[in-house]
Every structure is written in structure tokens, then in C-alpha cells.
Amino acid sequence: MYNYEVILYWSDIDNAFIAEVPELPGCMADGKTRLEAIQNVEVIISEWIEIAKEDGEEIPVPKGKLIYA
């Protein structure tokens, strides 16, 4: 499990909860419930990091919301 900030909100367009990780560009997941969206985004975070490592990209250090304050 990683300690990245996750922003969770409802999307009428998708008719689902959306979980976004601002520190990892393009990293997001959805779910029918808040819990499902959070569980799904944990999987996507792991996959995002795995792909970034394979591509030789730098992995951002989790900083939480302080960087956005």
C-alpha cells in the first residue's frame, strides 16, 4: 500500500465514484461505491508505479496534500 493522496468524488457522467491520485498523472479508478473506488485505485497505483519503473521514469515520493496547500 502506498501513501499517496487520493481525491474521491462522485461523477454523474460516469455514474460512479472516481478516485484520483494527483501526484501520479493519469492515475485514477472508479467504483460503484466509495470503498470500491478506493480499492480499485490501490491496484492502479501499483500498476502505475510498475509501468513507470519499467519505462525508467522517476517515481514521485508521496507528499500528500501539503504540496497543494
PDB file of N, CA and C in Angstrom:
ATOM      1  N   MET A   1       0.840  -1.179   0.000  1.00  0.00           N
ATOM      2  CA  MET A   1       0.000   0.000   0.000  1.00  0.00           C
ATOM      3  C   MET A   1       0.882   1.238   0.000  1.00  0.00           C
ATOM      4  N   TYR A   2       0.468   2.224  -0.774  1.00  0.00           N
ATOM      5  CA  TYR A   2       1.232   3.462  -0.901  1.00  0.00           C
ATOM      6  C   TYR A   2       0.501   4.596  -0.197  1.00  0.00           C
ATOM      7  N   ASN A   3       1.225   5.629   0.142  1.00  0.00           N
ATOM      8  CA  ASN A   3       0.657   6.739   0.909  1.00  0.00           C
ATOM      9  C   ASN A   3       0.434   7.985   0.064  1.00  0.00           C
ATOM     10  N   TYR A   4      -0.038   7.814  -1.144  1.00  0.00           N
ATOM     11  CA  TYR A   4      -0.357   8.954  -1.992  1.00  0.00           C
ATOM     12  C   TYR A   4      -1.730   9.499  -1.641  1.00  0.00           C
ATOM     13  N   GLU A   5      -1.874  10.800  -1.805  1.00  0.00           N
ATOM     14  CA  GLU A   5      -3.179  11.422  -1.597  1.00  0.00           C
ATOM     15  C   GLU A   5      -4.149  10.913  -2.663  1.00  0.00           C
ATOM     16  N   VAL A   6      -5.365  10.610  -2.246  1.00  0.00           N
ATOM     17  CA  VAL A   6      -6.415  10.176  -3.170  1.00  0.00           C
ATOM     18  C   VAL A   6      -7.588  11.136  -3.018  1.00  0.00           C
ATOM     19  N   ILE A   7      -8.028  11.683  -4.134  1.00  0.00           N
ATOM     20  CA  ILE A   7      -9.212  12.547  -4.145  1.00  0.00           C
ATOM     21  C   ILE A   7     -10.378  11.702  -4.642  1.00  0.00           C
ATOM     22  N   LEU A   8     -11.447  11.697  -3.866  1.00  0.00           N
ATOM     23  CA  LEU A   8     -12.601  10.859  -4.157  1.00  0.00           C
ATOM     24  C   LEU A   8     -13.813  11.742  -4.403  1.00  0.00           C
ATOM     25  N   TYR A   9     -14.524  11.519  -5.503  1.00  0.00           N
ATOM     26  CA  TYR A   9     -15.724  12.304  -5.791  1.00  0.00           C
ATOM     27  C   TYR A   9     -16.702  11.495  -6.634  1.00  0.00           C
ATOM     28  N   TRP A  10     -17.939  11.958  -6.665  1.00  0.00           N
ATOM     29  CA  TRP A  10     -18.983  11.332  -7.458  1.00  0.00           C
ATOM     30  C   TRP A  10     -19.017  11.952  -8.849  1.00  0.00           C
ATOM     31  N   SER A  11     -19.174  11.130  -9.879  1.00  0.00           N
ATOM     32  CA  SER A  11     -19.293  11.606 -11.254  1.00  0.00           C
ATOM     33  C   SER A  11     -20.663  11.208 -11.796  1.00  0.00           C
ATOM     34  N   ASP A  12     -21.496  12.208 -12.086  1.00  0.00           N
ATOM     35  CA  ASP A  12     -22.794  11.927 -12.701  1.00  0.00           C
ATOM     36  C   ASP A  12     -22.623  11.361 -14.101  1.00  0.00           C
ATOM     37  N   ILE A  13     -21.612  11.832 -14.804  1.00  0.00           N
ATOM     38  CA  ILE A  13     -21.369  11.359 -16.169  1.00  0.00           C
ATOM     39  C   ILE A  13     -21.066   9.865 -16.186  1.00  0.00           C
ATOM     40  N   ASP A  14     -20.228   9.419 -15.245  1.00  0.00           N
ATOM     41  CA  ASP A  14     -19.832   8.012 -15.179  1.00  0.00           C
ATOM     42  C   ASP A  14     -20.767   7.182 -14.305  1.00  0.00           C
ATOM     43  N   ASN A  15     -21.613   7.878 -13.547  1.00  0.00           N
ATOM     44  CA  ASN A  15     -22.499   7.212 -12.594  1.00  0.00           C
ATOM     45  C   ASN A  15     -21.691   6.310 -11.658  1.00  0.00           C
ATOM     46  N   ALA A  16     -20.582   6.882 -11.151  1.00  0.00           N
ATOM     47  CA  ALA A  16     -19.668   6.125 -10.295  1.00  0.00           C
ATOM     48  C   ALA A  16     -18.845   7.089  -9.451  1.00  0.00           C
ATOM     49  N   PHE A  17     -18.244   6.544  -8.402  1.00  0.00           N
ATOM     50  CA  PHE A  17     -17.268   7.304  -7.635  1.00  0.00           C
ATOM     51  C   PHE A  17     -15.937   7.232  -8.378  1.00  0.00           C
ATOM     52  N   ILE A  18     -15.221   8.341  -8.395  1.00  0.00           N
ATOM     53  CA  ILE A  18     -13.915   8.425  -9.049  1.00  0.00           C
ATOM     54  C   ILE A  18     -12.863   8.685  -7.978  1.00  0.00           C
ATOM     55  N   ALA A  19     -11.775   7.950  -8.033  1.00  0.00           N
ATOM     56  CA  ALA A  19     -10.641   8.147  -7.131  1.00  0.00           C
ATOM     57  C   ALA A  19      -9.441   8.544  -7.981  1.00  0.00           C
ATOM     58  N   GLU A  20      -8.924   9.751  -7.735  1.00  0.00           N
ATOM     59  CA  GLU A  20      -7.771  10.264  -8.492  1.00  0.00           C
ATOM     60  C   GLU A  20      -6.566  10.414  -7.579  1.00  0.00           C
ATOM     61  N   VAL A  21      -5.381  10.220  -8.147  1.00  0.00           N
ATOM     62  CA  VAL A  21      -4.123  10.386  -7.417  1.00  0.00           C
ATOM     63  C   VAL A  21      -3.359  11.533  -8.090  1.00  0.00           C
ATOM     64  N   PRO A  22      -3.460  12.747  -7.541  1.00  0.00           N
ATOM     65  CA  PRO A  22      -2.866  13.915  -8.203  1.00  0.00           C
ATOM     66  C   PRO A  22      -1.361  13.820  -8.435  1.00  0.00           C
ATOM     67  N   GLU A  23      -0.653  13.126  -7.576  1.00  0.00           N
ATOM     68  CA  GLU A  23       0.805  13.039  -7.711  1.00  0.00           C
ATOM     69  C   GLU A  23       1.256  12.070  -8.807  1.00  0.00           C
ATOM     70  N   LEU A  24       0.332  11.257  -9.311  1.00  0.00           N
ATOM     71  CA  LEU A  24       0.651  10.296 -10.364  1.00  0.00           C
ATOM     72  C   LEU A  24      -0.232  10.616 -11.567  1.00  0.00           C
ATOM     73  N   PRO A  25       0.276  11.372 -12.523  1.00  0.00           N
ATOM     74  CA  PRO A  25      -0.537  11.831 -13.661  1.00  0.00           C
ATOM     75  C   PRO A  25      -1.281  10.697 -14.363  1.00  0.00           C
ATOM     76  N   GLY A  26      -2.589  10.895 -14.503  1.00  0.00           N
ATOM     77  CA  GLY A  26      -3.418   9.925 -15.192  1.00  0.00           C
ATOM     78  C   GLY A  26      -3.841   8.738 -14.337  1.00  0.00           C
ATOM     79  N   CYS A  27      -3.436   8.721 -13.082  1.00  0.00           N
ATOM     80  CA  CYS A  27      -3.745   7.599 -12.205  1.00  0.00           C
ATOM     81  C   CYS A  27      -5.104   7.824 -11.552  1.00  0.00           C
ATOM     82  N   MET A  28      -6.089   7.022 -11.976  1.00  0.00           N
ATOM     83  CA  MET A  28      -7.430   7.131 -11.409  1.00  0.00           C
ATOM     84  C   MET A  28      -8.169   5.821 -11.616  1.00  0.00           C
ATOM     85  N   ALA A  29      -9.223   5.657 -10.837  1.00  0.00           N
ATOM     86  CA  ALA A  29     -10.067   4.461 -10.949  1.00  0.00           C
ATOM     87  C   ALA A  29     -11.476   4.853 -10.549  1.00  0.00           C
ATOM     88  N   ASP A  30     -12.412   3.984 -10.875  1.00  0.00           N
ATOM     89  CA  ASP A  30     -13.794   4.249 -10.480  1.00  0.00           C
ATOM     90  C   ASP A  30     -14.350   3.056  -9.728  1.00  0.00           C
ATOM     91  N   GLY A  31     -15.557   3.235  -9.196  1.00  0.00           N
ATOM     92  CA  GLY A  31     -16.232   2.160  -8.488  1.00  0.00           C
ATOM     93  C   GLY A  31     -17.668   2.540  -8.207  1.00  0.00           C
ATOM     94  N   LYS A  32     -18.502   1.540  -8.002  1.00  0.00           N
ATOM     95  CA  LYS A  32     -19.912   1.791  -7.704  1.00  0.00           C
ATOM     96  C   LYS A  32     -20.100   2.363  -6.305  1.00  0.00           C
ATOM     97  N   THR A  33     -19.131   2.089  -5.416  1.00  0.00           N
ATOM     98  CA  THR A  33     -19.161   2.627  -4.059  1.00  0.00           C
ATOM     99  C   THR A  33     -17.838   3.343  -3.786  1.00  0.00           C
ATOM    100  N   ARG A  34     -17.810   4.125  -2.711  1.00  0.00           N
ATOM    101  CA  ARG A  34     -16.560   4.793  -2.316  1.00  0.00           C
ATOM    102  C   ARG A  34     -15.464   3.756  -2.067  1.00  0.00           C
ATOM    103  N   LEU A  35     -15.815   2.721  -1.325  1.00  0.00           N
ATOM    104  CA  LEU A  35     -14.843   1.687  -0.985  1.00  0.00           C
ATOM    105  C   LEU A  35     -14.308   0.996  -2.232  1.00  0.00           C
ATOM    106  N   GLU A  36     -15.188   0.679  -3.160  1.00  0.00           N
ATOM    107  CA  GLU A  36     -14.755   0.018  -4.392  1.00  0.00           C
ATOM    108  C   GLU A  36     -13.804   0.909  -5.188  1.00  0.00           C
ATOM    109  N   ALA A  37     -14.094   2.196  -5.267  1.00  0.00           N
ATOM    110  CA  ALA A  37     -13.217   3.128  -5.987  1.00  0.00           C
ATOM    111  C   ALA A  37     -11.841   3.192  -5.333  1.00  0.00           C
ATOM    112  N   ILE A  38     -11.815   3.222  -4.007  1.00  0.00           N
ATOM    113  CA  ILE A  38     -10.534   3.275  -3.297  1.00  0.00           C
ATOM    114  C   ILE A  38      -9.762   1.972  -3.481  1.00  0.00           C
ATOM    115  N   GLN A  39     -10.450   0.844  -3.384  1.00  0.00           N
ATOM    116  CA  GLN A  39      -9.775  -0.441  -3.600  1.00  0.00           C
ATOM    117  C   GLN A  39      -9.226  -0.532  -5.026  1.00  0.00           C
ATOM    118  N   ASN A  40     -10.001  -0.082  -5.984  1.00  0.00           N
ATOM    119  CA  ASN A  40      -9.557  -0.130  -7.376  1.00  0.00           C
ATOM    120  C   ASN A  40      -8.363   0.780  -7.614  1.00  0.00           C
ATOM    121  N   VAL A  41      -8.363   1.956  -7.001  1.00  0.00           N
ATOM    122  CA  VAL A  41      -7.249   2.878  -7.238  1.00  0.00           C
ATOM    123  C   VAL A  41      -5.963   2.358  -6.588  1.00  0.00           C
ATOM    124  N   GLU A  42      -6.059   1.590  -5.519  1.00  0.00           N
ATOM    125  CA  GLU A  42      -4.859   0.993  -4.925  1.00  0.00           C
ATOM    126  C   GLU A  42      -4.186   0.052  -5.929  1.00  0.00           C
ATOM    127  N   VAL A  43      -4.982  -0.691  -6.659  1.00  0.00           N
ATOM    128  CA  VAL A  43      -4.450  -1.584  -7.696  1.00  0.00           C
ATOM    129  C   VAL A  43      -3.802  -0.753  -8.810  1.00  0.00           C
ATOM    130  N   ILE A  44      -4.484   0.307  -9.223  1.00  0.00           N
ATOM    131  CA  ILE A  44      -3.978   1.152 -10.310  1.00  0.00           C
ATOM    132  C   ILE A  44      -2.695   1.870  -9.897  1.00  0.00           C
ATOM    133  N   ILE A  45      -2.592   2.279  -8.633  1.00  0.00           N
ATOM    134  CA  ILE A  45      -1.348   2.903  -8.149  1.00  0.00           C
ATOM    135  C   ILE A  45      -0.192   1.922  -8.328  1.00  0.00           C
ATOM    136  N   SER A  46      -0.383   0.691  -7.913  1.00  0.00           N
ATOM    137  CA  SER A  46       0.676  -0.326  -8.051  1.00  0.00           C
ATOM    138  C   SER A  46       1.052  -0.526  -9.517  1.00  0.00           C
ATOM    139  N   GLU A  47       0.052  -0.603 -10.374  1.00  0.00           N
ATOM    140  CA  GLU A  47       0.320  -0.779 -11.804  1.00  0.00           C
ATOM    141  C   GLU A  47       1.016   0.432 -12.396  1.00  0.00           C
ATOM    142  N   TRP A  48       0.603   1.640 -11.985  1.00  0.00           N
ATOM    143  CA  TRP A  48       1.222   2.883 -12.471  1.00  0.00           C
ATOM    144  C   TRP A  48       2.707   2.872 -12.129  1.00  0.00           C
ATOM    145  N   ILE A  49       3.017   2.526 -10.875  1.00  0.00           N
ATOM    146  CA  ILE A  49       4.408   2.517 -10.423  1.00  0.00           C
ATOM    147  C   ILE A  49       5.203   1.434 -11.146  1.00  0.00           C
ATOM    148  N   GLU A  50       4.630   0.269 -11.330  1.00  0.00           N
ATOM    149  CA  GLU A  50       5.311  -0.819 -12.036  1.00  0.00           C
ATOM    150  C   GLU A  50       5.663  -0.410 -13.465  1.00  0.00           C
ATOM    151  N   ILE A  51       4.718   0.196 -14.162  1.00  0.00           N
ATOM    152  CA  ILE A  51       4.957   0.631 -15.542  1.00  0.00           C
ATOM    153  C   ILE A  51       5.999   1.740 -15.593  1.00  0.00           C
ATOM    154  N   ALA A  52       5.915   2.679 -14.650  1.00  0.00           N
ATOM    155  CA  ALA A  52       6.896   3.770 -14.612  1.00  0.00           C
ATOM    156  C   ALA A  52       8.302   3.226 -14.387  1.00  0.00           C
ATOM    157  N   LYS A  53       8.439   2.246 -13.510  1.00  0.00           N
ATOM    158  CA  LYS A  53       9.747   1.632 -13.265  1.00  0.00           C
ATOM    159  C   LYS A  53      10.265   0.949 -14.526  1.00  0.00           C
ATOM    160  N   GLU A  54       9.386   0.203 -15.205  1.00  0.00           N
ATOM    161  CA  GLU A  54       9.780  -0.478 -16.443  1.00  0.00           C
ATOM    162  C   GLU A  54      10.240   0.512 -17.504  1.00  0.00           C
ATOM    163  N   ASP A  55       9.611   1.687 -17.524  1.00  0.00           N
ATOM    164  CA  ASP A  55       9.952   2.716 -18.504  1.00  0.00           C
ATOM    165  C   ASP A  55      11.117   3.595 -18.052  1.00  0.00           C
ATOM    166  N   GLY A  56      11.655   3.326 -16.857  1.00  0.00           N
ATOM    167  CA  GLY A  56      12.779   4.103 -16.341  1.00  0.00           C
ATOM    168  C   GLY A  56      12.402   5.503 -15.877  1.00  0.00           C
ATOM    169  N   GLU A  57      11.133   5.695 -15.587  1.00  0.00           N
ATOM    170  CA  GLU A  57      10.676   7.008 -15.125  1.00  0.00           C
ATOM    171  C   GLU A  57      10.861   7.144 -13.615  1.00  0.00           C
ATOM    172  N   GLU A  58      10.994   8.373 -13.165  1.00  0.00           N
ATOM    173  CA  GLU A  58      11.124   8.653 -11.742  1.00  0.00           C
ATOM    174  C   GLU A  58       9.760   8.471 -11.067  1.00  0.00           C
ATOM    175  N   ILE A  59       9.762   7.832  -9.910  1.00  0.00           N
ATOM    176  CA  ILE A  59       8.539   7.612  -9.144  1.00  0.00           C
ATOM    177  C   ILE A  59       8.425   8.738  -8.121  1.00  0.00           C
ATOM    178  N   PRO A  60       7.346   9.530  -8.185  1.00  0.00           N
ATOM    179  CA  PRO A  60       7.191  10.617  -7.215  1.00  0.00           C
ATOM    180  C   PRO A  60       7.102  10.086  -5.785  1.00  0.00           C
ATOM    181  N   VAL A  61       7.742  10.805  -4.869  1.00  0.00           N
ATOM    182  CA  VAL A  61       7.648  10.476  -3.449  1.00  0.00           C
ATOM    183  C   VAL A  61       6.302  10.985  -2.953  1.00  0.00           C
ATOM    184  N   PRO A  62       5.539  10.156  -2.227  1.00  0.00           N
ATOM    185  CA  PRO A  62       4.237  10.624  -1.724  1.00  0.00           C
ATOM    186  C   PRO A  62       4.431  11.829  -0.787  1.00  0.00           C
ATOM    187  N   LYS A  63       3.753  12.924  -1.096  1.00  0.00           N
ATOM    188  CA  LYS A  63       3.875  14.128  -0.285  1.00  0.00           C
ATOM    189  C   LYS A  63       2.550  14.523   0.340  1.00  0.00           C
ATOM    190  N   GLY A  64       1.458  13.940  -0.133  1.00  0.00           N
ATOM    191  CA  GLY A  64       0.168  14.282   0.438  1.00  0.00           C
ATOM    192  C   GLY A  64      -0.268  15.670   0.029  1.00  0.00           C
ATOM    193  N   LYS A  65      -1.287  16.179   0.699  1.00  0.00           N
ATOM    194  CA  LYS A  65      -1.880  17.433   0.272  1.00  0.00           C
ATOM    195  C   LYS A  65      -1.053  18.659   0.596  1.00  0.00           C
ATOM    196  N   LEU A  66       0.010  18.524   1.352  1.00  0.00           N
ATOM    197  CA  LEU A  66       0.833  19.687   1.675  1.00  0.00           C
ATOM    198  C   LEU A  66       1.396  20.368   0.432  1.00  0.00           C
ATOM    199  N   ILE A  67       1.673  19.606  -0.621  1.00  0.00           N
ATOM    200  CA  ILE A  67       2.236  20.232  -1.813  1.00  0.00           C
ATOM    201  C   ILE A  67       1.181  21.047  -2.563  1.00  0.00           C
ATOM    202  N   TYR A  68      -0.090  20.822  -2.248  1.00  0.00           N
ATOM    203  CA  TYR A  68      -1.150  21.536  -2.943  1.00  0.00           C
ATOM    204  C   TYR A  68      -1.741  22.646  -2.081  1.00  0.00           C
ATOM    205  N   ALA A  69      -1.261  22.772  -0.844  1.00  0.00           N
ATOM    206  CA  ALA A  69      -1.820  23.783   0.079  1.00  0.00           C
ATOM    207  C   ALA A  69      -1.349  25.168  -0.273  1.00  0.00           C
TER     208      ALA A  69
END
